[in-house]
Amino acid sequence: MINQRQGSIKDSQLGNKVLILHPGYVAGKLGVICGQEYQSNQRWLIQVDLEDIVVSLTTQEFHVLNLDGKLHEMSGSNL
């Protein structure tokens, strides 16, 4: 289940698609949530699509996408 507030994820599920916002070298690319970092409850491991890399991101550095590839509505406004 996704919390609808920007910058937070509640009970995030493995495999959720995301749009990466930062850092610059992967910004604008799509990725998949692989899991939460072992020693941090604030960082998520994201496998970048079409790349052979995994990045560790905070929830402010990506947006979760709906199954249809569109951004979730967050904070009551359409993105």
Protein backbone atom coordinates (compact mmCIF):
# COMPACT_ATOMS: atom_id res chain seq x y z
CA MET A 1 0.00 0.00 0.00
CA ILE A 2 1.33 3.44 -0.93
CA ASN A 3 0.96 6.42 1.37
CA GLN A 4 -0.40 9.28 -0.73
CA ARG A 5 1.77 11.94 0.91
CA GLN A 6 4.73 13.07 -1.17
CA GLY A 7 8.06 11.77 0.02
CA SER A 8 6.79 8.87 2.09
CA ILE A 9 6.03 5.24 1.39
CA LYS A 10 4.11 2.98 3.72
CA ASP A 11 4.29 -0.79 3.30
CA SER A 12 5.96 -0.36 -0.08
CA GLN A 13 5.89 -3.48 -2.19
CA LEU A 14 8.81 -4.94 -4.03
CA GLY A 15 8.47 -4.45 -7.75
CA ASN A 16 6.72 -1.06 -7.66
CA LYS A 17 7.77 1.06 -10.65
CA VAL A 18 9.25 4.48 -9.88
CA LEU A 19 10.35 7.60 -11.70
CA ILE A 20 13.80 8.61 -10.46
CA LEU A 21 14.21 12.33 -9.74
CA HIS A 22 17.77 12.44 -8.34
CA PRO A 23 20.76 12.03 -8.64
CA GLY A 24 21.36 13.61 -12.02
CA TYR A 25 23.04 10.64 -13.68
CA VAL A 26 19.83 8.59 -13.40
CA ALA A 27 17.22 11.38 -13.14
CA GLY A 28 14.28 10.88 -15.49
CA LYS A 29 14.80 7.14 -15.76
CA LEU A 30 12.40 4.47 -14.58
CA GLY A 31 13.28 1.92 -11.96
CA VAL A 32 11.89 -0.84 -9.75
CA ILE A 33 11.92 -1.01 -5.94
CA CYS A 34 14.12 -3.94 -4.94
CA GLY A 35 13.83 -3.43 -1.19
CA GLN A 36 14.68 -1.26 1.74
CA GLU A 37 18.27 -0.74 2.81
CA TYR A 38 19.22 -3.07 5.64
CA GLN A 39 20.56 -0.38 7.99
CA SER A 40 18.21 2.45 7.03
CA ASN A 41 14.45 2.79 7.15
CA GLN A 42 14.71 5.95 5.03
CA ARG A 43 16.52 4.62 1.95
CA TRP A 44 15.29 2.29 -0.79
CA LEU A 45 17.22 0.18 -3.28
CA ILE A 46 16.08 0.92 -6.82
CA GLN A 47 17.11 -1.13 -9.88
CA VAL A 48 17.38 1.31 -12.79
CA ASP A 49 15.56 0.03 -15.90
CA LEU A 50 17.80 -0.79 -18.87
CA GLU A 51 20.90 -0.23 -16.71
CA ASP A 52 23.03 -2.65 -14.77
CA ILE A 53 22.97 -0.55 -11.59
CA VAL A 54 21.12 -0.32 -8.30
CA VAL A 55 20.91 3.02 -6.51
CA SER A 56 20.05 3.81 -2.89
CA LEU A 57 17.50 6.63 -2.77
CA THR A 58 15.43 8.47 -0.21
CA THR A 59 11.72 8.85 -0.87
CA GLN A 60 12.33 12.46 -1.95
CA GLU A 61 14.48 11.21 -4.82
CA PHE A 62 11.78 9.20 -6.62
CA HIS A 63 8.02 9.01 -7.23
CA VAL A 64 6.04 5.76 -7.23
CA LEU A 65 4.09 5.09 -10.43
CA ASN A 66 0.67 3.47 -10.85
CA LEU A 67 0.45 0.17 -12.70
CA ASP A 68 -0.42 2.11 -15.86
CA GLY A 69 2.87 4.04 -15.61
CA LYS A 70 1.35 7.30 -14.38
CA LEU A 71 2.45 9.12 -11.25
CA HIS A 72 0.40 8.58 -8.12
CA GLU A 73 -1.68 11.52 -7.01
CA MET A 74 0.11 13.00 -4.01
CA SER A 75 -0.89 15.72 -1.55
CA GLY A 76 -4.25 16.14 -3.30
CA SER A 77 -2.80 17.45 -6.55
CA ASN A 78 -2.24 15.77 -9.91
CA LEU A 79 1.36 15.30 -10.95
